[in-house]
Amino acid sequence: MPEKVIIIGSGPAGFSAAIYAARANLDPLLYEGTAQPEMIPLGQLAFTTEVENYAGFPAGNVRAFVESAVDKDRHYNLPPAPDHKRDGEYHYAVQGVELMELMKQQALNFGTRIVGDDIVDVDFSGQPLNVTAAGGDTVETRTVIIATGARANYLGLPSEEDYKNKGVSACAVCDGALPFYRSKPLAVVGGGDSAVEEATYLANLKDAATIYMVHRRDELRASKIMQQRALDHPKIEMVWSSVVEEVLGDGNQVTGLKLKSTKDDSTQELKVGGMFVAIGHTPNTSFLEGKVEMNNKGYIKWTKPFRTNTTVEAVFAAGDVADDYYRQAITSAGTGCMAALDAERWLTEQGD
C-alpha cells in the first residue's frame, strides 16, 4: 500500500506538517536529510543561535524545559546553553537547534516516522507518486509535501565561515535585534532590494549605530524607491566599489572587515561588530527540475491563493522552498500546517 503522505524536509515547515498530518492519523513518513546542502536535518535554524521572534518562546530557563521534553538520547545534539542567567538560572531565548529538537519531538510524539536520508529523485507522472532516496529505496505515496527550504548565499570566505553565529549572519530580521549586535556599527553586504531592506531594518532598531552598506559597484541594484530609502537614511552609510576580502575578529566575535576596492588594489579596514550577507538565497529544488513548476528564481509556484497546491496534483509545498519574500521560521511553520491540511483534504476528496 502506498504511504498517505511523505514529507521531504525537516525544518519548521516539515515538522509542522508532520505534527498536523500525524494528528490527523495520516501516519506521515518524513525524510529529514543528511548533511547535504539541500537536505540539512533541522533546517536552517540548525545554524542559528538565539531565536527571539518565534511566538511562544520568550526568554527564560529554556534549557530545563528542552531537556525535560526532548528524548535523552538526543541531548547530545543540544548546543551549550548561553551563559545568560537570572537568579542563578539560565535565562535566554530559545536557540535554533533547541527549537527544532522540540518540534521534532512533538512530531515523534504523535507517531511521525523519520528517516535520515536525502530524497534525490521524484516521479510525479501519475498516482501513486514516487520518491527515491539516496540510499536507493523508492517509496510510493498518495501525497507529497515538499519542505526543503532555501539556503542563504554567502561570500565563500574561510574567515566568513569561522565567524558564522559569531557576528556573521544572513538574516537581519532574525538576528539583528539580539544583544550580541545591539548598539554596534554593522555592515550589510549587497546592493539589491533585500540588502536595502536588511540595512533599513537594522538602522531603525532602537539604539542602532551606523549601518554600512558594502557594495561592489558605485550604485545600488535596488529599485529606485528602495535606493532612495537607503541613501536618505541618517544611519546608513554607503561603502561603494568594495568587496569583503576577509572577516576580522578576535576568535569569539567579529571586530571588523578587510575591504578591497573593485577599482584598484587598495584595501581598508572597517570596524564593525557584525556582517549581514544579503546577496540572495538558493531554494533547495535541484532534484525537482522538470517535475514541478518553479518561478524564475527556482522557488516552487503555489497555484491557488492561500493554498499550498503546486502544479502537480497531490503535491504541496511549504516553507521557504515556496517563499522568496518572508523567509521566517514562523511563516514556514504556518505553511507547513496548511500543507498538511491541504493533503488531508485532498485524500478525503479521493475517498482515502
C-alpha atoms as a PDB file:
ATOM      1  CA  MET A   1       0.000   0.000   0.000  1.00  0.00           C
ATOM      2  CA  PRO A   2       1.294   3.484  -0.803  1.00  0.00           C
ATOM      3  CA  GLU A   3       2.051   5.888   2.015  1.00  0.00           C
ATOM      4  CA  LYS A   4      -0.636   8.510   2.606  1.00  0.00           C
ATOM      5  CA  VAL A   5       1.807  11.387   2.900  1.00  0.00           C
ATOM      6  CA  ILE A   6       5.556  11.790   2.565  1.00  0.00           C
ATOM      7  CA  ILE A   7       7.193  14.962   3.834  1.00  0.00           C
ATOM      8  CA  ILE A   8      10.553  15.990   2.374  1.00  0.00           C
ATOM      9  CA  GLY A   9      12.448  18.295   4.720  1.00  0.00           C
ATOM     10  CA  SER A  10      12.826  18.766   8.453  1.00  0.00           C
ATOM     11  CA  GLY A  11      12.753  22.480   9.183  1.00  0.00           C
ATOM     12  CA  PRO A  12       9.828  24.360  10.778  1.00  0.00           C
ATOM     13  CA  ALA A  13       7.635  23.687   7.715  1.00  0.00           C
ATOM     14  CA  GLY A  14       8.411  19.984   7.568  1.00  0.00           C
ATOM     15  CA  PHE A  15       7.895  19.261  11.243  1.00  0.00           C
ATOM     16  CA  SER A  16       4.770  21.428  11.485  1.00  0.00           C
ATOM     17  CA  ALA A  17       3.340  19.481   8.549  1.00  0.00           C
ATOM     18  CA  ALA A  18       4.292  16.245  10.292  1.00  0.00           C
ATOM     19  CA  ILE A  19       2.571  17.253  13.537  1.00  0.00           C
ATOM     20  CA  TYR A  20      -0.688  18.101  11.767  1.00  0.00           C
ATOM     21  CA  ALA A  21      -0.559  15.067   9.484  1.00  0.00           C
ATOM     22  CA  ALA A  22       0.179  12.715  12.377  1.00  0.00           C
ATOM     23  CA  ARG A  23      -2.653  14.110  14.490  1.00  0.00           C
ATOM     24  CA  ALA A  24      -4.958  13.501  11.508  1.00  0.00           C
ATOM     25  CA  ASN A  25      -3.936   9.819  11.546  1.00  0.00           C
ATOM     26  CA  LEU A  26      -2.139  10.064   8.198  1.00  0.00           C
ATOM     27  CA  ASP A  27       0.910   8.219   9.602  1.00  0.00           C
ATOM     28  CA  PRO A  28       3.394  10.574   7.877  1.00  0.00           C
ATOM     29  CA  LEU A  29       6.832   9.491   6.716  1.00  0.00           C
ATOM     30  CA  LEU A  30       9.366  12.329   6.883  1.00  0.00           C
ATOM     31  CA  TYR A  31      12.754  12.395   5.193  1.00  0.00           C
ATOM     32  CA  GLU A  32      14.923  14.750   7.228  1.00  0.00           C
ATOM     33  CA  GLY A  33      18.033  14.601   5.058  1.00  0.00           C
ATOM     34  CA  THR A  34      21.667  14.203   5.976  1.00  0.00           C
ATOM     35  CA  ALA A  35      24.391  16.823   5.800  1.00  0.00           C
ATOM     36  CA  GLN A  36      23.872  17.710   2.147  1.00  0.00           C
ATOM     37  CA  PRO A  37      23.212  21.402   1.320  1.00  0.00           C
ATOM     38  CA  GLU A  38      19.677  20.661   0.118  1.00  0.00           C
ATOM     39  CA  MET A  39      18.580  18.401   2.968  1.00  0.00           C
ATOM     40  CA  ILE A  40      20.000  19.598   6.266  1.00  0.00           C
ATOM     41  CA  PRO A  41      18.471  17.937   9.350  1.00  0.00           C
ATOM     42  CA  LEU A  42      16.528  20.536  11.384  1.00  0.00           C
ATOM     43  CA  GLY A  43      16.772  23.050   8.533  1.00  0.00           C
ATOM     44  CA  GLN A  44      18.497  26.438   8.544  1.00  0.00           C
ATOM     45  CA  LEU A  45      17.621  27.027  12.202  1.00  0.00           C
ATOM     46  CA  ALA A  46      20.303  24.454  12.985  1.00  0.00           C
ATOM     47  CA  PHE A  47      22.775  27.271  12.202  1.00  0.00           C
ATOM     48  CA  THR A  48      21.005  29.900  14.307  1.00  0.00           C
ATOM     49  CA  THR A  49      21.789  30.852  17.887  1.00  0.00           C
ATOM     50  CA  GLU A  50      19.048  32.534  19.934  1.00  0.00           C
ATOM     51  CA  VAL A  51      15.623  32.938  18.294  1.00  0.00           C
ATOM     52  CA  GLU A  52      13.866  35.897  19.900  1.00  0.00           C
ATOM     53  CA  ASN A  53      10.995  36.294  17.422  1.00  0.00           C
ATOM     54  CA  TYR A  54       9.292  32.876  17.420  1.00  0.00           C
ATOM     55  CA  ALA A  55       5.962  33.388  19.178  1.00  0.00           C
ATOM     56  CA  GLY A  56       5.505  31.454  22.408  1.00  0.00           C
ATOM     57  CA  PHE A  57       9.183  31.265  23.353  1.00  0.00           C
ATOM     58  CA  PRO A  58      10.091  34.271  25.498  1.00  0.00           C
ATOM     59  CA  ALA A  59      13.456  34.245  27.232  1.00  0.00           C
ATOM     60  CA  GLY A  60      13.546  32.066  30.320  1.00  0.00           C
ATOM     61  CA  ASN A  61      15.036  28.879  31.695  1.00  0.00           C
ATOM     62  CA  VAL A  62      14.706  27.280  28.275  1.00  0.00           C
ATOM     63  CA  ARG A  63      17.307  24.577  28.827  1.00  0.00           C
ATOM     64  CA  ALA A  64      15.387  22.969  31.692  1.00  0.00           C
ATOM     65  CA  PHE A  65      12.268  22.731  29.530  1.00  0.00           C
ATOM     66  CA  VAL A  66      14.141  21.430  26.476  1.00  0.00           C
ATOM     67  CA  GLU A  67      15.897  18.720  28.464  1.00  0.00           C
ATOM     68  CA  SER A  68      12.617  17.657  30.049  1.00  0.00           C
ATOM     69  CA  ALA A  69      10.818  17.488  26.679  1.00  0.00           C
ATOM     70  CA  VAL A  70      13.412  16.021  24.304  1.00  0.00           C
ATOM     71  CA  ASP A  71      14.349  12.346  24.481  1.00  0.00           C
ATOM     72  CA  LYS A  72      17.584  11.886  26.418  1.00  0.00           C
ATOM     73  CA  ASP A  73      19.248  10.025  23.563  1.00  0.00           C
ATOM     74  CA  ARG A  74      19.194  13.292  21.546  1.00  0.00           C
ATOM     75  CA  HIS A  75      20.563  15.584  24.274  1.00  0.00           C
ATOM     76  CA  TYR A  76      23.991  15.218  22.664  1.00  0.00           C
ATOM     77  CA  ASN A  77      22.712  17.377  19.801  1.00  0.00           C
ATOM     78  CA  LEU A  78      21.835  20.312  22.049  1.00  0.00           C
ATOM     79  CA  PRO A  79      24.326  23.195  21.901  1.00  0.00           C
ATOM     80  CA  PRO A  80      25.787  24.623  25.117  1.00  0.00           C
ATOM     81  CA  ALA A  81      23.322  26.842  26.951  1.00  0.00           C
ATOM     82  CA  PRO A  82      24.183  30.548  26.605  1.00  0.00           C
ATOM     83  CA  ASP A  83      25.656  31.892  29.800  1.00  0.00           C
ATOM     84  CA  HIS A  84      22.883  34.422  30.471  1.00  0.00           C
ATOM     85  CA  LYS A  85      21.500  33.932  33.957  1.00  0.00           C
ATOM     86  CA  ARG A  86      18.874  35.482  36.194  1.00  0.00           C
ATOM     87  CA  ASP A  87      18.552  34.494  39.861  1.00  0.00           C
ATOM     88  CA  GLY A  88      21.120  31.766  39.258  1.00  0.00           C
ATOM     89  CA  GLU A  89      19.225  30.072  36.415  1.00  0.00           C
ATOM     90  CA  TYR A  90      19.772  30.125  32.665  1.00  0.00           C
ATOM     91  CA  HIS A  91      17.678  32.881  31.109  1.00  0.00           C
ATOM     92  CA  TYR A  92      17.883  33.161  27.337  1.00  0.00           C
ATOM     93  CA  ALA A  93      15.781  32.967  24.172  1.00  0.00           C
ATOM     94  CA  VAL A  94      15.419  29.510  22.674  1.00  0.00           C
ATOM     95  CA  GLN A  95      18.299  28.527  20.385  1.00  0.00           C
ATOM     96  CA  GLY A  96      17.657  27.335  16.845  1.00  0.00           C
ATOM     97  CA  VAL A  97      18.658  23.732  17.497  1.00  0.00           C
ATOM     98  CA  GLU A  98      16.623  23.637  20.714  1.00  0.00           C
ATOM     99  CA  LEU A  99      13.519  24.917  18.937  1.00  0.00           C
ATOM    100  CA  MET A 100      13.907  22.375  16.151  1.00  0.00           C
ATOM    101  CA  GLU A 101      14.539  19.483  18.541  1.00  0.00           C
ATOM    102  CA  LEU A 102      11.306  20.434  20.319  1.00  0.00           C
ATOM    103  CA  MET A 103       9.420  20.397  17.003  1.00  0.00           C
ATOM    104  CA  LYS A 104      10.984  17.058  16.110  1.00  0.00           C
ATOM    105  CA  GLN A 105       9.992  15.628  19.485  1.00  0.00           C
ATOM    106  CA  GLN A 106       6.427  16.843  19.055  1.00  0.00           C
ATOM    107  CA  ALA A 107       6.229  15.137  15.648  1.00  0.00           C
ATOM    108  CA  LEU A 108       7.657  11.924  17.101  1.00  0.00           C
ATOM    109  CA  ASN A 109       5.209  12.023  19.999  1.00  0.00           C
ATOM    110  CA  PHE A 110       2.310  11.830  17.537  1.00  0.00           C
ATOM    111  CA  GLY A 111       3.842   8.929  15.613  1.00  0.00           C
ATOM    112  CA  THR A 112       5.753  10.532  12.734  1.00  0.00           C
ATOM    113  CA  ARG A 113       8.275   8.147  11.188  1.00  0.00           C
ATOM    114  CA  ILE A 114      11.569   9.909  10.466  1.00  0.00           C
ATOM    115  CA  VAL A 115      14.207   8.679   8.035  1.00  0.00           C
ATOM    116  CA  GLY A 116      17.680  10.189   7.964  1.00  0.00           C
ATOM    117  CA  ASP A 117      18.169  10.171   4.213  1.00  0.00           C
ATOM    118  CA  ASP A 118      18.057  12.557   1.262  1.00  0.00           C
ATOM    119  CA  ILE A 119      15.469  12.444  -1.498  1.00  0.00           C
ATOM    120  CA  VAL A 120      17.364  12.611  -4.777  1.00  0.00           C
ATOM    121  CA  ASP A 121      14.617  11.976  -7.346  1.00  0.00           C
ATOM    122  CA  VAL A 122      10.837  12.001  -7.694  1.00  0.00           C
ATOM    123  CA  ASP A 123       8.317  10.695 -10.207  1.00  0.00           C
ATOM    124  CA  PHE A 124       5.140  12.775 -10.208  1.00  0.00           C
ATOM    125  CA  SER A 125       3.838  11.479 -13.563  1.00  0.00           C
ATOM    126  CA  GLY A 126       0.856   9.677 -12.038  1.00  0.00           C
ATOM    127  CA  GLN A 127      -0.687   8.059  -8.992  1.00  0.00           C
ATOM    128  CA  PRO A 128       0.793   6.801  -6.814  1.00  0.00           C
ATOM    129  CA  LEU A 129       3.641   9.320  -6.644  1.00  0.00           C
ATOM    130  CA  ASN A 130       7.177   8.025  -6.169  1.00  0.00           C
ATOM    131  CA  VAL A 131      10.163   9.384  -4.254  1.00  0.00           C
ATOM    132  CA  THR A 132      13.655   7.914  -4.364  1.00  0.00           C
ATOM    133  CA  ALA A 133      16.148   8.245  -1.525  1.00  0.00           C
ATOM    134  CA  ALA A 134      19.919   8.484  -1.800  1.00  0.00           C
ATOM    135  CA  GLY A 135      20.131   5.036  -0.240  1.00  0.00           C
ATOM    136  CA  GLY A 136      18.308   3.595  -3.251  1.00  0.00           C
ATOM    137  CA  ASP A 137      14.836   2.996  -1.813  1.00  0.00           C
ATOM    138  CA  THR A 138      11.853   4.121  -3.887  1.00  0.00           C
ATOM    139  CA  VAL A 139       8.624   4.643  -1.949  1.00  0.00           C
ATOM    140  CA  GLU A 140       5.096   5.084  -3.300  1.00  0.00           C
ATOM    141  CA  THR A 141       2.819   7.690  -1.762  1.00  0.00           C
ATOM    142  CA  ARG A 142      -0.533   9.325  -2.387  1.00  0.00           C
ATOM    143  CA  THR A 143       0.616  12.838  -1.466  1.00  0.00           C
ATOM    144  CA  VAL A 144       3.920  14.657  -1.054  1.00  0.00           C
ATOM    145  CA  ILE A 145       4.728  17.777   0.958  1.00  0.00           C
ATOM    146  CA  ILE A 146       7.935  19.471  -0.173  1.00  0.00           C
ATOM    147  CA  ALA A 147       9.534  21.447   2.659  1.00  0.00           C
ATOM    148  CA  THR A 148      13.195  21.520   1.693  1.00  0.00           C
ATOM    149  CA  GLY A 149      13.660  25.241   2.324  1.00  0.00           C
ATOM    150  CA  ALA A 150      16.180  27.648   0.846  1.00  0.00           C
ATOM    151  CA  ARG A 151      19.756  28.345   1.817  1.00  0.00           C
ATOM    152  CA  ALA A 152      21.355  31.756   2.101  1.00  0.00           C
ATOM    153  CA  ASN A 153      24.116  32.644  -0.328  1.00  0.00           C
ATOM    154  CA  TYR A 154      27.394  33.533   1.358  1.00  0.00           C
ATOM    155  CA  LEU A 155      30.626  35.066   0.077  1.00  0.00           C
ATOM    156  CA  GLY A 156      32.597  31.835   0.378  1.00  0.00           C
ATOM    157  CA  LEU A 157      35.432  33.191   2.537  1.00  0.00           C
ATOM    158  CA  PRO A 158      37.124  30.891   5.088  1.00  0.00           C
ATOM    159  CA  SER A 159      37.030  33.726   7.631  1.00  0.00           C
ATOM    160  CA  GLU A 160      33.305  34.169   6.991  1.00  0.00           C
ATOM    161  CA  GLU A 161      32.756  30.501   7.834  1.00  0.00           C
ATOM    162  CA  ASP A 162      34.839  30.906  11.011  1.00  0.00           C
ATOM    163  CA  TYR A 163      32.578  33.677  12.297  1.00  0.00           C
ATOM    164  CA  LYS A 164      29.123  32.355  11.427  1.00  0.00           C
ATOM    165  CA  ASN A 165      26.996  32.816  14.568  1.00  0.00           C
ATOM    166  CA  LYS A 166      29.826  34.935  15.971  1.00  0.00           C
ATOM    167  CA  GLY A 167      28.871  38.064  14.089  1.00  0.00           C
ATOM    168  CA  VAL A 168      28.219  36.771  10.571  1.00  0.00           C
ATOM    169  CA  SER A 169      24.579  36.276   9.647  1.00  0.00           C
ATOM    170  CA  ALA A 170      22.376  36.132   6.561  1.00  0.00           C
ATOM    171  CA  CYS A 171      19.197  37.399   8.231  1.00  0.00           C
ATOM    172  CA  ALA A 172      18.959  40.794   9.912  1.00  0.00           C
ATOM    173  CA  VAL A 173      15.296  40.291  10.807  1.00  0.00           C
ATOM    174  CA  CYS A 174      16.220  37.024  12.547  1.00  0.00           C
ATOM    175  CA  ASP A 175      19.347  38.144  14.376  1.00  0.00           C
ATOM    176  CA  GLY A 176      19.779  41.916  14.209  1.00  0.00           C
ATOM    177  CA  ALA A 177      17.954  42.737  17.448  1.00  0.00           C
ATOM    178  CA  LEU A 178      19.924  40.234  19.526  1.00  0.00           C
ATOM    179  CA  PRO A 179      22.002  41.747  22.359  1.00  0.00           C
ATOM    180  CA  PHE A 180      25.105  40.492  20.552  1.00  0.00           C
ATOM    181  CA  TYR A 181      24.635  43.150  17.842  1.00  0.00           C
ATOM    182  CA  ARG A 182      22.987  45.903  19.868  1.00  0.00           C
ATOM    183  CA  SER A 183      24.485  49.401  19.639  1.00  0.00           C
ATOM    184  CA  LYS A 184      27.350  48.213  17.414  1.00  0.00           C
ATOM    185  CA  PRO A 185      28.244  49.506  13.959  1.00  0.00           C
ATOM    186  CA  LEU A 186      27.236  46.788  11.483  1.00  0.00           C
ATOM    187  CA  ALA A 187      27.789  46.016   7.815  1.00  0.00           C
ATOM    188  CA  VAL A 188      25.320  44.762   5.226  1.00  0.00           C
ATOM    189  CA  VAL A 189      26.883  43.274   2.100  1.00  0.00           C
ATOM    190  CA  GLY A 190      24.847  43.579  -1.082  1.00  0.00           C
ATOM    191  CA  GLY A 191      23.145  46.133  -3.293  1.00  0.00           C
ATOM    192  CA  GLY A 192      19.700  44.799  -4.130  1.00  0.00           C
ATOM    193  CA  ASP A 193      16.287  45.306  -2.562  1.00  0.00           C
ATOM    194  CA  SER A 194      16.978  42.649   0.069  1.00  0.00           C
ATOM    195  CA  ALA A 195      20.185  44.378   1.132  1.00  0.00           C
ATOM    196  CA  VAL A 196      18.386  47.707   1.484  1.00  0.00           C
ATOM    197  CA  GLU A 197      15.613  46.052   3.493  1.00  0.00           C
ATOM    198  CA  GLU A 198      18.186  44.447   5.811  1.00  0.00           C
ATOM    199  CA  ALA A 199      20.098  47.702   6.283  1.00  0.00           C
ATOM    200  CA  THR A 200      16.922  49.713   6.888  1.00  0.00           C
ATOM    201  CA  TYR A 201      15.664  47.187   9.423  1.00  0.00           C
ATOM    202  CA  LEU A 202      18.939  47.379  11.350  1.00  0.00           C
ATOM    203  CA  ALA A 203      19.106  51.166  11.132  1.00  0.00           C
ATOM    204  CA  ASN A 204      15.590  51.514  12.550  1.00  0.00           C
ATOM    205  CA  LEU A 205      16.280  49.405  15.629  1.00  0.00           C
ATOM    206  CA  LYS A 206      16.423  51.154  18.973  1.00  0.00           C
ATOM    207  CA  ASP A 207      19.989  52.270  19.819  1.00  0.00           C
ATOM    208  CA  ALA A 208      21.170  51.426  16.280  1.00  0.00           C
ATOM    209  CA  ALA A 209      24.668  52.617  15.430  1.00  0.00           C
ATOM    210  CA  THR A 210      25.965  53.248  11.912  1.00  0.00           C
ATOM    211  CA  ILE A 211      24.940  50.659   9.338  1.00  0.00           C
ATOM    212  CA  TYR A 212      27.405  50.367   6.460  1.00  0.00           C
ATOM    213  CA  MET A 213      26.196  49.066   3.103  1.00  0.00           C
ATOM    214  CA  VAL A 214      29.132  47.458   1.293  1.00  0.00           C
ATOM    215  CA  HIS A 215      28.549  47.137  -2.436  1.00  0.00           C
ATOM    216  CA  ARG A 216      30.902  46.124  -5.246  1.00  0.00           C
ATOM    217  CA  ARG A 217      29.556  48.759  -7.618  1.00  0.00           C
ATOM    218  CA  ASP A 218      29.219  52.551  -7.403  1.00  0.00           C
ATOM    219  CA  GLU A 219      25.426  52.428  -7.487  1.00  0.00           C
ATOM    220  CA  LEU A 220      22.796  50.139  -5.992  1.00  0.00           C
ATOM    221  CA  ARG A 221      20.934  47.491  -7.962  1.00  0.00           C
ATOM    222  CA  ALA A 222      17.827  48.006  -5.828  1.00  0.00           C
ATOM    223  CA  SER A 223      14.675  49.620  -7.184  1.00  0.00           C
ATOM    224  CA  LYS A 224      14.723  53.420  -7.237  1.00  0.00           C
ATOM    225  CA  ILE A 225      12.421  53.809  -4.262  1.00  0.00           C
ATOM    226  CA  MET A 226      14.495  51.346  -2.228  1.00  0.00           C
ATOM    227  CA  GLN A 227      17.733  53.086  -3.219  1.00  0.00           C
ATOM    228  CA  GLN A 228      16.392  56.395  -2.011  1.00  0.00           C
ATOM    229  CA  ARG A 229      15.324  54.840   1.263  1.00  0.00           C
ATOM    230  CA  ALA A 230      18.900  53.773   1.956  1.00  0.00           C
ATOM    231  CA  LEU A 231      20.579  56.908   0.653  1.00  0.00           C
ATOM    232  CA  ASP A 232      18.323  59.190   2.697  1.00  0.00           C
ATOM    233  CA  HIS A 233      18.585  57.284   5.983  1.00  0.00           C
ATOM    234  CA  PRO A 234      20.741  59.168   8.503  1.00  0.00           C
ATOM    235  CA  LYS A 235      22.187  55.975   9.977  1.00  0.00           C
ATOM    236  CA  ILE A 236      23.043  54.188   6.718  1.00  0.00           C
ATOM    237  CA  GLU A 237      26.434  54.922   5.196  1.00  0.00           C
ATOM    238  CA  MET A 238      27.397  53.648   1.749  1.00  0.00           C
ATOM    239  CA  VAL A 239      30.748  51.965   1.096  1.00  0.00           C
ATOM    240  CA  TRP A 240      30.944  51.926  -2.693  1.00  0.00           C
ATOM    241  CA  SER A 241      33.076  49.837  -5.053  1.00  0.00           C
ATOM    242  CA  SER A 242      34.277  47.472  -2.358  1.00  0.00           C
ATOM    243  CA  VAL A 243      34.228  43.754  -1.650  1.00  0.00           C
ATOM    244  CA  VAL A 244      34.897  41.901   1.575  1.00  0.00           C
ATOM    245  CA  GLU A 245      38.296  40.235   1.400  1.00  0.00           C
ATOM    246  CA  GLU A 246      38.398  38.993   4.993  1.00  0.00           C
ATOM    247  CA  VAL A 247      36.232  38.948   8.108  1.00  0.00           C
ATOM    248  CA  LEU A 248      38.285  40.120  11.075  1.00  0.00           C
ATOM    249  CA  GLY A 249      37.745  39.050  14.657  1.00  0.00           C
ATOM    250  CA  ASP A 250      39.254  38.079  17.986  1.00  0.00           C
ATOM    251  CA  GLY A 251      38.259  34.425  17.745  1.00  0.00           C
ATOM    252  CA  ASN A 252      34.981  34.955  19.600  1.00  0.00           C
ATOM    253  CA  GLN A 253      33.292  37.703  17.606  1.00  0.00           C
ATOM    254  CA  VAL A 254      33.610  39.888  14.544  1.00  0.00           C
ATOM    255  CA  THR A 255      35.577  43.077  15.077  1.00  0.00           C
ATOM    256  CA  GLY A 256      35.828  44.355  11.517  1.00  0.00           C
ATOM    257  CA  LEU A 257      36.108  43.703   7.800  1.00  0.00           C
ATOM    258  CA  LYS A 258      39.019  43.964   5.418  1.00  0.00           C
ATOM    259  CA  LEU A 259      37.677  45.537   2.237  1.00  0.00           C
ATOM    260  CA  LYS A 260      39.269  45.632  -1.183  1.00  0.00           C
ATOM    261  CA  SER A 261      38.465  48.204  -3.824  1.00  0.00           C
ATOM    262  CA  THR A 262      36.974  46.988  -7.095  1.00  0.00           C
ATOM    263  CA  LYS A 263      38.603  49.944  -8.893  1.00  0.00           C
ATOM    264  CA  ASP A 264      42.205  49.453  -7.780  1.00  0.00           C
ATOM    265  CA  ASP A 265      44.231  47.275  -5.411  1.00  0.00           C
ATOM    266  CA  SER A 266      43.723  49.434  -2.334  1.00  0.00           C
ATOM    267  CA  THR A 267      42.332  47.973   0.890  1.00  0.00           C
ATOM    268  CA  GLN A 268      40.798  49.377   4.031  1.00  0.00           C
ATOM    269  CA  GLU A 269      39.591  48.080   7.376  1.00  0.00           C
ATOM    270  CA  LEU A 270      36.040  48.779   8.509  1.00  0.00           C
ATOM    271  CA  LYS A 271      35.397  48.430  12.232  1.00  0.00           C
ATOM    272  CA  VAL A 272      32.054  46.663  12.759  1.00  0.00           C
ATOM    273  CA  GLY A 273      30.587  44.252  15.264  1.00  0.00           C
ATOM    274  CA  GLY A 274      28.763  42.159  12.691  1.00  0.00           C
ATOM    275  CA  MET A 275      28.277  41.422   8.998  1.00  0.00           C
ATOM    276  CA  PHE A 276      24.936  40.605   7.391  1.00  0.00           C
ATOM    277  CA  VAL A 277      25.231  38.994   3.963  1.00  0.00           C
ATOM    278  CA  ALA A 278      22.316  39.949   1.689  1.00  0.00           C
ATOM    279  CA  ILE A 279      23.204  38.524  -1.694  1.00  0.00           C
ATOM    280  CA  GLY A 280      20.219  36.267  -2.156  1.00  0.00           C
ATOM    281  CA  HIS A 281      19.026  32.747  -1.382  1.00  0.00           C
ATOM    282  CA  THR A 282      19.019  29.488  -3.317  1.00  0.00           C
ATOM    283  CA  PRO A 283      15.903  27.307  -2.972  1.00  0.00           C
ATOM    284  CA  ASN A 284      16.624  23.618  -2.435  1.00  0.00           C
ATOM    285  CA  THR A 285      14.872  22.353  -5.539  1.00  0.00           C
ATOM    286  CA  SER A 286      17.527  20.911  -7.858  1.00  0.00           C
ATOM    287  CA  PHE A 287      16.093  17.385  -7.511  1.00  0.00           C
ATOM    288  CA  LEU A 288      12.722  18.729  -8.707  1.00  0.00           C
ATOM    289  CA  GLU A 289      13.869  20.161 -12.043  1.00  0.00           C
ATOM    290  CA  GLY A 290      11.205  19.423 -14.649  1.00  0.00           C
ATOM    291  CA  LYS A 291       8.951  17.737 -12.080  1.00  0.00           C
ATOM    292  CA  VAL A 292       7.057  20.760 -10.711  1.00  0.00           C
ATOM    293  CA  GLU A 293       6.776  24.336 -11.943  1.00  0.00           C
ATOM    294  CA  MET A 294       9.009  26.978 -10.363  1.00  0.00           C
ATOM    295  CA  ASN A 295       9.436  30.723 -10.759  1.00  0.00           C
ATOM    296  CA  ASN A 296      12.480  32.351 -12.356  1.00  0.00           C
ATOM    297  CA  LYS A 297      14.337  32.187  -9.033  1.00  0.00           C
ATOM    298  CA  GLY A 298      13.784  28.463  -8.639  1.00  0.00           C
ATOM    299  CA  TYR A 299      11.093  28.672  -5.952  1.00  0.00           C
ATOM    300  CA  ILE A 300       8.108  26.330  -6.271  1.00  0.00           C
ATOM    301  CA  LYS A 301       4.950  28.053  -7.505  1.00  0.00           C
ATOM    302  CA  TRP A 302       1.754  27.927  -5.494  1.00  0.00           C
ATOM    303  CA  THR A 303      -1.186  27.736  -7.889  1.00  0.00           C
ATOM    304  CA  LYS A 304      -4.070  28.792  -5.634  1.00  0.00           C
ATOM    305  CA  PRO A 305      -4.331  31.814  -3.326  1.00  0.00           C
ATOM    306  CA  PHE A 306      -3.954  30.840   0.347  1.00  0.00           C
ATOM    307  CA  ARG A 307      -3.296  27.221  -0.614  1.00  0.00           C
ATOM    308  CA  THR A 308      -0.087  25.208  -0.853  1.00  0.00           C
ATOM    309  CA  ASN A 309      -1.028  23.410  -4.092  1.00  0.00           C
ATOM    310  CA  THR A 310       1.658  23.114  -6.752  1.00  0.00           C
ATOM    311  CA  THR A 311       1.267  22.461 -10.467  1.00  0.00           C
ATOM    312  CA  VAL A 312       1.193  18.719  -9.731  1.00  0.00           C
ATOM    313  CA  GLU A 313      -1.950  17.273  -8.195  1.00  0.00           C
ATOM    314  CA  ALA A 314      -1.382  15.873  -4.687  1.00  0.00           C
ATOM    315  CA  VAL A 315       1.986  17.617  -4.357  1.00  0.00           C
ATOM    316  CA  PHE A 316       2.126  20.506  -1.900  1.00  0.00           C
ATOM    317  CA  ALA A 317       4.917  22.910  -0.967  1.00  0.00           C
ATOM    318  CA  ALA A 318       5.558  24.560   2.389  1.00  0.00           C
ATOM    319  CA  GLY A 319       8.059  26.976   3.846  1.00  0.00           C
ATOM    320  CA  ASP A 320      10.942  28.807   2.222  1.00  0.00           C
ATOM    321  CA  VAL A 321      11.051  26.475  -0.781  1.00  0.00           C
ATOM    322  CA  ALA A 322       7.942  28.326  -1.996  1.00  0.00           C
ATOM    323  CA  ASP A 323       8.505  31.675  -0.259  1.00  0.00           C
ATOM    324  CA  ASP A 324      11.039  34.146  -1.658  1.00  0.00           C
ATOM    325  CA  TYR A 325       9.619  37.067   0.330  1.00  0.00           C
ATOM    326  CA  TYR A 326       9.166  36.420   4.062  1.00  0.00           C
ATOM    327  CA  ARG A 327      11.573  33.519   4.787  1.00  0.00           C
ATOM    328  CA  GLN A 328      10.842  33.374   8.516  1.00  0.00           C
ATOM    329  CA  ALA A 329      10.609  30.313  10.751  1.00  0.00           C
ATOM    330  CA  ILE A 330       7.131  31.227  11.912  1.00  0.00           C
ATOM    331  CA  THR A 331       5.751  31.729   8.395  1.00  0.00           C
ATOM    332  CA  SER A 332       7.313  28.419   7.366  1.00  0.00           C
ATOM    333  CA  ALA A 333       5.628  26.655  10.265  1.00  0.00           C
ATOM    334  CA  GLY A 334       2.299  28.194   9.265  1.00  0.00           C
ATOM    335  CA  THR A 335       2.519  26.951   5.702  1.00  0.00           C
ATOM    336  CA  GLY A 336       3.578  23.537   6.987  1.00  0.00           C
ATOM    337  CA  CYS A 337       0.279  23.374   8.844  1.00  0.00           C
ATOM    338  CA  MET A 338      -1.548  24.492   5.689  1.00  0.00           C
ATOM    339  CA  ALA A 339       0.154  21.863   3.530  1.00  0.00           C
ATOM    340  CA  ALA A 340      -0.812  19.065   5.915  1.00  0.00           C
ATOM    341  CA  LEU A 341      -4.422  20.228   5.926  1.00  0.00           C
ATOM    342  CA  ASP A 342      -4.384  20.528   2.129  1.00  0.00           C
ATOM    343  CA  ALA A 343      -3.018  16.992   1.819  1.00  0.00           C
ATOM    344  CA  GLU A 344      -5.591  15.636   4.283  1.00  0.00           C
ATOM    345  CA  ARG A 345      -8.469  17.283   2.412  1.00  0.00           C
ATOM    346  CA  TRP A 346      -7.196  16.032  -0.933  1.00  0.00           C
ATOM    347  CA  LEU A 347      -7.084  12.491   0.445  1.00  0.00           C
ATOM    348  CA  THR A 348     -10.603  12.871   1.827  1.00  0.00           C
ATOM    349  CA  GLU A 349     -11.884  14.055  -1.546  1.00  0.00           C
ATOM    350  CA  GLN A 350     -10.337  10.949  -3.124  1.00  0.00           C
ATOM    351  CA  GLY A 351     -12.116   8.713  -0.622  1.00  0.00           C
ATOM    352  CA  ASP A 352      -8.932   7.788   1.267  1.00  0.00           C
END
